Amino acid sequence: MGTAPGDFPGAVRMPGAGAAKLPDVVLAFEILLVLVSVLIAWFGLYVLYRLFTES
């Protein structure tokens, strides 16, 4: 019998759920990663600016 991983007797399959949403989650985390990277770079440059212009 061909069963998919995670299938068991009495399991309820919901159409459209599961792996179909994975690309959306990956995209959301990639966008979040880029935003956090920009924020970290900006803060680092700001700290250096304040360090060298503090007279």
Protein backbone atom coordinates (compact mmCIF):
# COMPACT_ATOMS: atom_id res chain seq x y z
CA MET A 1 0.00 0.00 0.00
CA GLY A 2 1.39 3.44 -0.88
CA THR A 3 1.18 5.83 2.02
CA ALA A 4 2.75 9.21 2.42
CA PRO A 5 4.92 10.02 5.43
CA GLY A 6 2.76 11.05 8.35
CA ASP A 7 -0.31 9.13 7.16
CA PHE A 8 -1.93 6.89 9.73
CA PRO A 9 -5.34 5.23 10.06
CA GLY A 10 -7.97 7.83 10.81
CA ALA A 11 -5.87 10.76 9.60
CA VAL A 12 -7.82 13.63 8.12
CA ARG A 13 -6.30 15.13 4.97
CA MET A 14 -7.03 18.80 4.39
CA PRO A 15 -6.74 19.85 0.75
CA GLY A 16 -4.40 22.76 0.18
CA ALA A 17 -2.74 22.52 3.59
CA GLY A 18 0.83 21.64 4.39
CA ALA A 19 3.58 21.98 1.82
CA ALA A 20 1.59 24.43 -0.34
CA LYS A 21 2.16 27.16 2.28
CA LEU A 22 5.90 26.51 2.65
CA PRO A 23 7.09 28.93 -0.11
CA ASP A 24 5.09 31.74 1.53
CA VAL A 25 6.76 31.08 4.88
CA VAL A 26 10.22 30.91 3.28
CA LEU A 27 9.61 34.19 1.46
CA ALA A 28 8.43 35.88 4.67
CA PHE A 29 11.54 34.78 6.56
CA GLU A 30 13.83 35.84 3.70
CA ILE A 31 12.26 39.31 3.73
CA LEU A 32 12.64 39.43 7.51
CA LEU A 33 16.29 38.37 7.18
CA VAL A 34 17.00 41.17 4.70
CA LEU A 35 15.27 43.78 6.87
CA VAL A 36 17.15 42.73 9.99
CA SER A 37 20.45 42.70 8.06
CA VAL A 38 19.84 46.26 6.86
CA LEU A 39 18.93 47.34 10.39
CA ILE A 40 22.12 45.81 11.84
CA ALA A 41 24.28 47.43 9.15
CA TRP A 42 22.64 50.82 9.69
CA PHE A 43 23.10 50.61 13.46
CA GLY A 44 26.77 49.63 13.07
CA LEU A 45 27.44 52.55 10.76
CA TYR A 46 25.56 54.89 13.10
CA VAL A 47 27.67 53.76 16.06
CA LEU A 48 30.88 54.33 14.08
CA TYR A 49 29.65 57.76 12.99
CA ARG A 50 28.85 58.76 16.57
CA LEU A 51 32.16 57.36 17.78
CA PHE A 52 34.27 59.41 15.38
CA THR A 53 32.22 62.63 15.47
CA GLU A 54 32.04 62.77 19.27
CA SER A 55 34.24 65.77 19.98
